[in-house]
Protein backbone atom coordinates (compact mmCIF):
# COMPACT_ATOMS: atom_id res chain seq x y z
CA UNK A 1 53.57 -44.61 207.43
CA UNK A 2 56.83 -46.43 207.94
CA UNK A 3 58.24 -44.71 204.88
CA UNK A 4 58.30 -41.44 206.84
CA UNK A 5 60.93 -42.96 209.10
CA UNK A 6 63.15 -43.97 206.20
CA UNK A 7 66.53 -42.20 206.30
CA UNK A 8 67.57 -40.21 203.23
CA UNK A 9 70.89 -38.30 203.20
CA UNK A 10 71.18 -38.57 206.96
CA UNK A 11 67.62 -37.39 207.74
CA UNK A 12 64.26 -39.11 207.88
CA UNK A 13 61.70 -38.46 205.18
CA UNK A 14 59.52 -36.79 207.82
CA UNK A 15 62.23 -34.23 208.53
CA UNK A 16 62.61 -33.58 204.81
CA UNK A 17 58.86 -33.11 204.42
CA UNK A 18 58.72 -30.69 207.36
CA UNK A 19 61.72 -28.71 206.07
CA UNK A 20 60.33 -28.49 202.55
CA UNK A 21 56.90 -27.53 203.92
CA UNK A 22 58.42 -24.71 205.97
CA UNK A 23 60.38 -23.46 202.95
CA UNK A 24 57.39 -23.65 200.62
CA UNK A 25 55.02 -22.06 203.12
CA UNK A 26 57.31 -19.17 203.98
CA UNK A 27 58.14 -18.60 200.31
CA UNK A 28 54.46 -18.49 199.34
CA UNK A 29 53.70 -16.19 202.26
CA UNK A 30 56.54 -13.85 201.33
CA UNK A 31 55.54 -13.71 197.67
CA UNK A 32 51.88 -13.11 198.51
CA UNK A 33 52.87 -10.32 200.88
CA UNK A 34 55.10 -8.78 198.22
CA UNK A 35 52.37 -8.93 195.57
CA UNK A 36 49.79 -7.47 197.95
CA UNK A 37 51.98 -4.67 199.29
CA UNK A 38 53.87 -3.65 196.13
CA UNK A 39 50.94 -2.22 194.11
CA UNK A 40 49.62 -0.37 197.18
CA UNK A 41 52.97 1.29 197.79
CA UNK A 42 53.21 2.15 194.07
CA UNK A 43 49.74 3.74 194.16
CA UNK A 44 50.66 5.70 197.29
CA UNK A 45 53.90 6.91 195.64
CA UNK A 46 51.97 8.03 192.55
CA UNK A 47 49.46 9.86 194.73
CA UNK A 48 51.85 11.61 197.12
CA UNK A 49 54.95 11.92 194.92
CA UNK A 50 57.10 11.52 198.04
CA UNK A 51 60.61 10.21 197.50
CA UNK A 52 60.35 7.80 200.46
CA UNK A 53 57.17 6.20 199.09
CA UNK A 54 58.76 5.90 195.64
CA UNK A 55 61.86 4.25 197.09
CA UNK A 56 59.88 1.77 199.20
CA UNK A 57 57.67 0.80 196.27
CA UNK A 58 60.56 0.26 193.89
CA UNK A 59 62.82 -1.50 196.38
CA UNK A 60 60.03 -3.94 197.24
CA UNK A 61 59.26 -4.62 193.57
CA UNK A 62 63.00 -5.23 192.92
CA UNK A 63 63.36 -7.72 195.76
CA UNK A 64 64.20 -11.03 194.08
CA UNK A 65 62.86 -14.47 194.95
CA UNK A 66 66.40 -15.80 195.32
CA UNK A 67 67.02 -13.18 198.00
CA UNK A 68 63.97 -14.36 199.93
CA UNK A 69 64.99 -17.99 199.54
CA UNK A 70 68.43 -17.20 200.93
CA UNK A 71 66.80 -16.32 204.25
CA UNK A 72 64.06 -18.96 204.12
CA UNK A 73 66.27 -21.97 203.34
CA UNK A 74 68.30 -21.69 206.59
CA UNK A 75 65.01 -21.66 208.52
CA UNK A 76 63.92 -24.87 206.83
CA UNK A 77 67.37 -26.37 207.38
CA UNK A 78 66.85 -26.07 211.15
CA UNK A 79 64.75 -29.24 210.96
CA UNK A 80 67.56 -31.17 209.24
CA UNK A 81 70.98 -32.37 210.19
CA UNK A 82 73.32 -31.17 207.44
CA UNK A 83 76.82 -31.02 208.90
CA UNK A 84 78.50 -30.67 205.52
CA UNK A 85 76.29 -27.77 204.43
CA UNK A 86 76.31 -25.80 207.66
CA UNK A 87 79.02 -23.36 206.58
CA UNK A 88 77.41 -22.89 203.17
CA UNK A 89 74.00 -22.14 204.68
CA UNK A 90 75.59 -19.62 207.04
CA UNK A 91 77.14 -17.80 204.07
CA UNK A 92 74.00 -17.94 201.94
CA UNK A 93 72.14 -15.11 203.68
CA UNK A 94 74.95 -12.48 203.78
CA UNK A 95 76.00 -13.20 200.18
CA UNK A 96 72.40 -12.90 199.02
CA UNK A 97 72.03 -9.67 200.98
CA UNK A 98 75.15 -8.21 199.29
CA UNK A 99 73.81 -9.14 195.83
CA UNK A 100 70.40 -7.69 196.62
CA UNK A 101 71.95 -4.46 197.93
CA UNK A 102 73.89 -4.26 194.65
CA UNK A 103 70.60 -4.46 192.71
CA UNK A 104 68.95 -1.88 194.99
CA UNK A 105 71.98 0.40 194.79
CA UNK A 106 72.08 0.21 190.97
CA UNK A 107 68.48 1.43 190.83
CA UNK A 108 68.96 4.05 193.56
CA UNK A 109 71.96 5.58 191.77
CA UNK A 110 69.95 5.81 188.56
CA UNK A 111 67.09 7.50 190.45
CA UNK A 112 69.45 9.98 192.12
CA UNK A 113 71.15 10.87 188.84
CA UNK A 114 67.80 11.45 187.11
CA UNK A 115 66.50 13.64 189.94
CA UNK A 116 69.80 15.48 190.44
CA UNK A 117 70.36 16.40 186.80
CA UNK A 118 66.99 17.51 185.53
CA UNK A 119 66.43 19.95 182.71
CA UNK A 120 68.48 19.93 179.54
CA UNK A 121 68.59 16.50 177.90
CA UNK A 122 72.21 16.93 176.85
CA UNK A 123 73.31 17.78 180.39
CA UNK A 124 71.45 14.83 181.84
CA UNK A 125 72.81 12.39 179.28
CA UNK A 126 76.45 13.41 179.65
CA UNK A 127 76.46 13.62 183.43
CA UNK A 128 74.34 10.52 184.01
CA UNK A 129 76.62 8.30 181.93
CA UNK A 130 79.82 9.37 183.67
CA UNK A 131 78.72 9.91 187.27
CA UNK A 132 76.45 6.88 187.17
CA UNK A 133 79.37 4.69 186.11
CA UNK A 134 81.68 6.08 188.80
CA UNK A 135 79.11 5.71 191.58
CA UNK A 136 78.23 2.17 190.51
CA UNK A 137 81.92 1.31 190.30
CA UNK A 138 82.43 2.59 193.86
CA UNK A 139 79.41 0.67 195.16
CA UNK A 140 80.51 -2.51 193.40
CA UNK A 141 84.03 -2.23 194.81
CA UNK A 142 82.71 -1.76 198.36
CA UNK A 143 80.32 -4.71 198.07
CA UNK A 144 83.08 -6.87 196.57
CA UNK A 145 85.30 -6.16 199.58
CA UNK A 146 82.44 -7.00 201.94
CA UNK A 147 81.78 -10.21 200.04
CA UNK A 148 85.42 -11.28 200.27
CA UNK A 149 85.39 -10.53 203.99
CA UNK A 150 82.28 -12.68 204.45
CA UNK A 151 83.95 -15.53 202.55
CA UNK A 152 86.88 -15.41 204.99
CA UNK A 153 89.55 -13.63 202.99
CA UNK A 154 91.99 -11.36 204.83
CA UNK A 155 90.76 -8.07 203.40
CA UNK A 156 93.44 -5.98 205.11
CA UNK A 157 96.26 -7.94 203.49
CA UNK A 158 94.43 -7.92 200.18
CA UNK A 159 93.97 -4.14 200.25
CA UNK A 160 97.64 -3.63 201.12
CA UNK A 161 98.65 -5.82 198.17
CA UNK A 162 96.27 -3.98 195.89
CA UNK A 163 97.68 -0.66 197.09
CA UNK A 164 101.23 -1.67 196.09
CA UNK A 165 100.10 -3.19 192.83
CA UNK A 166 97.78 -0.26 192.20
CA UNK A 167 100.72 2.11 191.98
CA UNK A 168 102.29 0.04 189.22
CA UNK A 169 98.97 -0.30 187.43
CA UNK A 170 98.32 3.44 187.72
CA UNK A 171 101.70 4.20 186.13
CA UNK A 172 100.95 1.75 183.32
CA UNK A 173 97.50 3.16 182.57
CA UNK A 174 98.07 6.80 183.46
CA UNK A 175 96.77 7.97 180.07
CA UNK A 176 93.53 6.05 180.59
CA UNK A 177 93.18 7.44 184.11
CA UNK A 178 93.83 10.95 182.79
CA UNK A 179 90.99 10.53 180.29
CA UNK A 180 88.74 9.11 183.04
CA UNK A 181 89.29 12.09 185.35
CA UNK A 182 88.92 14.43 182.38
CA UNK A 183 85.50 12.90 181.68
CA UNK A 184 84.56 13.54 185.30
CA UNK A 185 85.68 17.17 184.92
CA UNK A 186 83.57 17.52 181.78
CA UNK A 187 80.53 16.11 183.61
CA UNK A 188 80.93 18.45 186.58
CA UNK A 189 82.19 21.63 184.90
CA UNK A 190 80.09 21.31 181.71
CA UNK A 191 82.16 23.19 179.14
CA UNK A 192 79.79 21.48 176.70
CA UNK A 193 77.07 18.82 176.68
CA UNK A 194 75.65 16.44 174.12
CA UNK A 195 74.03 18.42 171.30
CA UNK A 196 76.25 21.51 171.59
CA UNK A 197 77.89 22.91 168.47
CA UNK A 198 81.57 23.41 169.29
CA UNK A 199 84.91 24.23 167.72
CA UNK A 200 87.99 22.45 169.07
CA UNK A 201 91.19 23.68 167.42
CA UNK A 202 90.35 23.18 163.73
CA UNK A 203 87.48 20.71 164.36
CA UNK A 204 83.95 22.07 164.03
CA UNK A 205 80.84 20.02 164.71
CA UNK A 206 78.11 18.77 167.08
CA UNK A 207 78.90 16.78 170.24
CA UNK A 208 77.33 13.34 169.87
CA UNK A 209 78.76 11.31 172.74
CA UNK A 210 80.78 11.94 175.91
CA UNK A 211 82.40 8.76 177.14
CA UNK A 212 84.83 7.78 179.87
CA UNK A 213 87.83 8.00 177.54
CA UNK A 214 86.78 9.88 174.41
CA UNK A 215 84.32 12.46 173.15
CA UNK A 216 82.84 12.11 169.66
CA UNK A 217 81.98 15.08 167.47
CA UNK A 218 80.04 14.92 164.19
CA UNK A 219 81.69 17.40 161.85
CA UNK A 220 79.89 19.57 159.30
CA UNK A 221 81.25 17.43 156.49
CA UNK A 222 79.71 14.31 158.03
CA UNK A 223 82.61 12.33 159.49
CA UNK A 224 82.91 11.52 163.19
CA UNK A 225 85.86 13.03 165.04
CA UNK A 226 87.06 11.12 168.14
CA UNK A 227 89.08 13.15 170.66
CA UNK A 228 90.59 11.91 173.94
CA UNK A 229 89.03 13.69 176.91
CA UNK A 230 92.40 14.72 178.35
CA UNK A 231 93.42 16.28 175.02
CA UNK A 232 90.04 17.96 174.76
CA UNK A 233 90.42 19.82 178.07
CA UNK A 234 93.88 21.03 177.02
CA UNK A 235 92.41 22.66 173.91
CA UNK A 236 90.55 25.92 173.51
CA UNK A 237 86.88 25.06 173.09
CA UNK A 238 84.45 27.46 171.46
CA UNK A 239 80.87 26.54 172.35
CA UNK A 240 78.55 28.23 169.86
CA UNK A 241 75.40 26.96 171.57
CA UNK A 242 76.20 29.15 174.58
CA UNK A 243 76.20 32.18 172.29
CA UNK A 244 73.32 34.57 173.00
CA UNK A 245 74.01 37.04 170.21
CA UNK A 246 76.52 37.25 167.38
CA UNK A 247 78.82 40.24 166.79
CA UNK A 248 79.48 40.85 163.10
CA UNK A 249 82.17 43.10 161.65
CA UNK A 250 82.75 43.56 157.94
CA UNK A 251 84.66 46.00 155.73
CA UNK A 252 84.47 47.48 152.26
CA UNK A 253 86.25 50.21 150.34
CA UNK A 254 84.96 52.90 147.99
CA UNK A 255 86.95 54.50 145.23
CA UNK A 256 89.14 57.57 145.85
CA UNK A 257 87.30 59.44 143.12
CA UNK A 258 84.09 59.42 145.19
CA UNK A 259 83.00 62.99 146.08
CA UNK A 260 83.50 64.03 149.70
CA UNK A 261 79.78 64.51 150.33
CA UNK A 262 79.15 60.96 149.14
CA UNK A 263 81.97 59.68 151.36
CA UNK A 264 80.36 61.37 154.37
CA UNK A 265 76.91 59.94 153.69
CA UNK A 266 78.06 56.28 153.52
CA UNK A 267 77.89 55.55 157.32
CA UNK A 268 74.34 56.85 157.63
CA UNK A 269 73.29 55.00 154.48
CA UNK A 270 74.67 51.71 155.80
CA UNK A 271 73.05 52.32 159.20
CA UNK A 272 69.60 52.71 157.67
CA UNK A 273 70.02 49.52 155.67
CA UNK A 274 71.08 47.50 158.75
CA UNK A 275 68.37 48.89 161.02
CA UNK A 276 65.68 47.79 158.56
CA UNK A 277 66.54 44.14 159.25
CA UNK A 278 64.70 42.28 162.07
CA UNK A 279 66.67 40.72 164.95
CA UNK A 280 69.58 43.11 164.37
CA UNK A 281 71.12 45.81 166.56
CA UNK A 282 73.29 48.38 164.82
CA UNK A 283 76.52 49.29 166.59
CA UNK A 284 78.64 51.58 164.39
CA UNK A 285 79.77 52.45 160.87
CA UNK A 286 83.00 54.41 160.39
CA UNK A 287 85.26 55.68 157.63
CA UNK A 288 88.30 53.98 159.08
CA UNK A 289 91.35 54.63 156.93
CA UNK A 290 92.95 55.44 153.60
CA UNK A 291 94.06 52.07 152.27
CA UNK A 292 96.02 51.13 149.17
CA UNK A 293 92.86 50.03 147.42
CA UNK A 294 90.50 52.82 148.48
CA UNK A 295 88.60 54.54 151.30
CA UNK A 296 87.99 51.77 153.82
CA UNK A 297 84.88 51.58 156.03
CA UNK A 298 84.35 49.33 159.05
CA UNK A 299 80.82 48.24 159.99
CA UNK A 300 79.75 46.49 163.23
CA UNK A 301 76.33 45.16 164.16
CA UNK A 302 74.83 42.41 166.34
CA UNK A 303 72.51 39.58 165.32
CA UNK A 304 70.18 38.92 168.27
CA UNK A 305 70.00 35.19 167.53
CA UNK A 306 72.96 32.76 167.54
CA UNK A 307 71.68 30.80 164.53
CA UNK A 308 74.40 30.78 161.86
CA UNK A 309 72.01 30.39 158.93
CA UNK A 310 70.04 33.43 160.10
CA UNK A 311 73.27 35.45 160.30
CA UNK A 312 74.19 34.51 156.73
CA UNK A 313 70.74 35.48 155.46
CA UNK A 314 70.95 38.85 157.21
CA UNK A 315 74.46 39.53 155.92
CA UNK A 316 73.37 38.68 152.38
CA UNK A 317 70.40 41.05 152.63
CA UNK A 318 72.65 43.83 153.97
CA UNK A 319 75.17 43.32 151.16
CA UNK A 320 72.45 43.48 148.53
CA UNK A 321 70.99 46.59 150.18
CA UNK A 322 74.37 48.34 150.20
CA UNK A 323 75.01 47.40 146.56
CA UNK A 324 71.63 48.74 145.47
CA UNK A 325 71.95 51.97 147.50
CA UNK A 326 75.48 52.70 146.24
CA UNK A 327 74.40 52.31 142.64
CA UNK A 328 71.52 54.74 143.18
CA UNK A 329 73.84 57.31 144.79
CA UNK A 330 76.63 56.83 142.26
CA UNK A 331 79.11 55.50 144.81
CA UNK A 332 81.59 53.06 143.37
CA UNK A 333 83.46 50.31 145.18
CA UNK A 334 87.24 50.25 144.88
CA UNK A 335 89.22 47.40 143.41
CA UNK A 336 92.06 45.61 145.20
CA UNK A 337 95.47 47.23 144.72
CA UNK A 338 96.78 44.56 142.38
CA UNK A 339 93.77 44.98 140.09
CA UNK A 340 94.31 48.72 139.94
CA UNK A 341 97.95 48.19 139.09
CA UNK A 342 97.06 45.71 136.36
CA UNK A 343 94.43 48.07 134.94
CA UNK A 344 96.97 50.92 134.92
CA UNK A 345 99.51 48.75 133.11
CA UNK A 346 96.96 47.87 130.43
CA UNK A 347 96.15 51.57 129.90
C-alpha cells in the first residue's frame, strides 16, 4: 500500500482517492435524491394544480448536474492542498448559482407569461414575445452585474461608465429604441394582435408577426408589408376584427319621370327587401334629394356579422331584389348626368 503515500500534484494518492470518493458519493446521492423526488413532486403538482407544487417540481427537474458539482467539488477539495486553485474553487459555487438562477428565471418568466396572458392565441403570442424578451433581458443584465461583482470587478465604476456611454449609444440608436418602446406599447395597449385584419393608411391585411422593431402584415394581394413599430403607432389603425356589426349605406337614383305614388312607395319597398335577409337590421330608407341625374335615395342598414364576404353576399341579394321589384312596379333607374346629356345630344 505504499503507492497510497505517493505524492501527485502536491497531494498523496490517498488524499486524491478520498477527495474523489467524496465527490462521487455526494454526486450519486444528489442525483438519486433528484430522481426520487422529482417525479413525486410532478405527480403532486398534477394532482393539486397548485402553483407552488408546479414551481418546485419544475425547478428541481431543471437543476443541472454542473450546478450540483459546483457545490460538491469544493467539499471534496477540503481533503486536498490546492493553493493555486483556492480562488477558483471559491468562485465556482457563486458563478454556478448565478447560471442556475438564469436557467430557473428563464423558465419562470415563460410560466408567468403563459399564465398571465391566457385566452386569445394572438394576444398571448404578441405579448409573450415582447414582454418575455424584456423580462429576460432585465434578468440577464442583473445576473451579469452580480457575476462581474463576484469576479472582483468594480461594478460602481463600471455602471457609471456605462451610464455616460449609454447616453451616446441611446442617441445613436434612438430610432431602434423608439421601435422597442413602441413594441412594448403594442403589447400592453393591444390596438391589434396577431391574426387581426387591419388597415394602416393604405395598407390592408392580416397581422402575422409583432416583433421588437417591426410588425409584418400579409396584404390581400399576397405580399408581406413590413412597418416599423414607431411608425405604426403614429398611423390611424382600423382593426376590422374588433368590429361587432357593419353599418352599410348605399344610394341610387330613379328617373324624374317616375310617378309620385311610385316615388313614395320606394322606401317601403326597399325596407321589405332588406328585412327579408337574415343577420340584417334595417335602419332607414329616405328620398334624400333632387340630384342632377335623378331622384336620389339613401339607404342604411346593419349587417350583424363583421364578415366582409357575408356583407357582399347580402348587398348583392339586396341589389338583385331591388332590381326585380322596380321592374315589376315600372320604376326606372336614372342615368348619370353625362349620359343624359349625351343621349339628348344624339336625339
